[in-house]
Amino acid sequence: MVCSEHSNLSVDGEKGSLEHLPNEKKEALNRIRTVIGHARGIEKMIEEERYCIDILKQIAAVQSSLSKLSHLLTKDHMRICVSEAIREGEGEDKIDELVEVLKYLRSS
C-alpha cells in the first residue's frame, strides 16, 4: 500500500505504510499469493473443460480472498496514512482519495 510522503520506503516515488506493519505486510503477501494460486487453478480448470460449478466455486474463493486483502489494505491505510495526514492537516485529501477508491472496490 502506498502513502505519499509519510514514511521511509519508496515505491514508484511514493512511500508505503506496510513498512510500519510487518505482520500485515506478510498477511497481504500470503493473501495475494493464494489468489495467484487459485487463479492458476482456474486457468487449468478451464483448459481441462471442468464442470462450470467447480470453476465458479474457485472464482468465488478468489473473490473472497481479494475482498479480504482489500479490507486489510483499507484498514492499514486508514490506520497509518489517513490518520497521519489528519494530524498534519491534510486529512481531507486522503479521505477523498479513500472514498474514491472505495467506489471501485464496492462495485467489483
Protein backbone atom coordinates (compact mmCIF):
# COMPACT_ATOMS: atom_id res chain seq x y z
CA MET A 1 0.00 0.00 0.00
CA VAL A 2 1.26 3.42 -0.78
CA CYS A 3 1.11 6.50 1.38
CA SER A 4 2.75 9.51 -0.20
CA GLU A 5 5.47 11.31 1.71
CA HIS A 6 4.68 9.60 5.04
CA SER A 7 7.44 7.04 5.63
CA ASN A 8 10.95 5.97 4.68
CA LEU A 9 10.32 3.32 1.98
CA SER A 10 9.89 4.41 -1.61
CA VAL A 11 7.68 2.59 -4.10
CA ASP A 12 7.36 4.28 -7.52
CA GLY A 13 8.22 7.60 -5.91
CA GLU A 14 5.76 7.21 -3.05
CA LYS A 15 6.01 5.71 0.43
CA GLY A 16 4.38 2.55 1.79
CA SER A 17 2.62 2.23 5.11
CA LEU A 18 3.09 -1.53 5.27
CA GLU A 19 6.67 -0.82 6.27
CA HIS A 20 5.23 0.05 9.70
CA LEU A 21 3.11 -3.13 9.82
CA PRO A 22 5.30 -6.16 9.06
CA ASN A 23 2.68 -8.70 10.16
CA GLU A 24 0.05 -7.10 7.93
CA LYS A 25 2.53 -7.00 5.04
CA LYS A 26 3.18 -10.72 5.50
CA GLU A 27 -0.56 -11.39 5.59
CA ALA A 28 -1.13 -9.29 2.45
CA LEU A 29 1.59 -11.17 0.59
CA ASN A 30 0.14 -14.52 1.69
CA ARG A 31 -3.32 -13.48 0.54
CA ILE A 32 -2.17 -12.32 -2.90
CA ARG A 33 -0.11 -15.48 -3.36
CA THR A 34 -3.22 -17.51 -2.53
CA VAL A 35 -5.18 -15.53 -5.13
CA ILE A 36 -2.49 -16.17 -7.73
CA GLY A 37 -2.53 -19.88 -6.96
CA HIS A 38 -6.33 -20.05 -7.23
CA ALA A 39 -6.25 -18.07 -10.50
CA ARG A 40 -3.76 -20.53 -11.99
CA GLY A 41 -6.03 -23.34 -10.83
CA ILE A 42 -9.00 -21.71 -12.56
CA GLU A 43 -7.00 -21.37 -15.76
CA LYS A 44 -6.15 -25.07 -15.65
CA MET A 45 -9.76 -26.00 -14.90
CA ILE A 46 -10.93 -24.02 -17.94
CA GLU A 47 -8.25 -25.63 -20.13
CA GLU A 48 -9.39 -29.05 -18.91
CA GLU A 49 -13.05 -28.13 -19.54
CA ARG A 50 -14.02 -28.87 -15.95
CA TYR A 51 -17.56 -28.60 -14.65
CA CYS A 52 -18.72 -24.96 -14.61
CA ILE A 53 -19.92 -25.11 -10.99
CA ASP A 54 -16.47 -26.22 -9.83
CA ILE A 55 -14.89 -23.31 -11.71
CA LEU A 56 -17.42 -20.88 -10.24
CA LYS A 57 -16.59 -22.11 -6.74
CA GLN A 58 -12.92 -21.34 -7.36
CA ILE A 59 -13.83 -17.91 -8.72
CA ALA A 60 -15.81 -17.27 -5.52
CA ALA A 61 -12.74 -18.26 -3.48
CA VAL A 62 -10.60 -15.75 -5.42
CA GLN A 63 -13.19 -13.01 -4.97
CA SER A 64 -13.33 -13.70 -1.24
CA SER A 65 -9.54 -13.62 -0.94
CA LEU A 66 -9.34 -10.35 -2.86
CA SER A 67 -12.07 -8.86 -0.70
CA LYS A 68 -10.18 -9.81 2.47
CA LEU A 69 -7.00 -8.30 1.01
CA SER A 70 -8.75 -5.05 0.12
CA HIS A 71 -10.21 -4.82 3.62
CA LEU A 72 -6.78 -5.39 5.17
CA LEU A 73 -5.17 -2.71 2.99
CA THR A 74 -8.03 -0.27 3.58
CA LYS A 75 -7.75 -0.71 7.34
CA ASP A 76 -3.97 -0.26 7.23
CA HIS A 77 -4.28 2.80 5.01
CA MET A 78 -6.70 4.40 7.45
CA ARG A 79 -4.55 3.50 10.47
CA ILE A 80 -1.33 4.87 9.00
CA CYS A 81 -1.80 7.20 6.04
CA VAL A 82 -5.15 8.81 6.77
CA SER A 83 -4.53 9.29 10.48
CA GLU A 84 -1.09 10.80 9.80
CA ALA A 85 -2.50 13.11 7.12
CA ILE A 86 -5.18 14.29 9.55
CA ARG A 87 -2.52 15.05 12.17
CA GLU A 88 -0.64 17.06 9.54
CA GLY A 89 -3.76 18.98 8.49
CA GLU A 90 -4.06 17.20 5.13
CA GLY A 91 -6.81 14.77 6.03
CA GLU A 92 -9.41 15.96 3.51
CA ASP A 93 -7.29 14.91 0.52
CA LYS A 94 -6.60 11.45 1.95
CA ILE A 95 -10.25 10.96 2.86
CA ASP A 96 -11.35 12.00 -0.65
CA GLU A 97 -8.77 9.61 -2.12
CA LEU A 98 -10.09 6.76 0.03
CA VAL A 99 -13.74 7.49 -0.79
CA GLU A 100 -12.88 7.44 -4.50
CA VAL A 101 -11.16 4.06 -4.36
CA LEU A 102 -13.93 2.58 -2.19
CA LYS A 103 -16.41 3.30 -5.00
CA TYR A 104 -14.42 0.99 -7.26
CA LEU A 105 -13.96 -1.69 -4.62
CA ARG A 106 -17.66 -1.76 -3.83
CA SER A 107 -18.67 -2.11 -7.49
CA SER A 108 -16.46 -5.13 -8.08
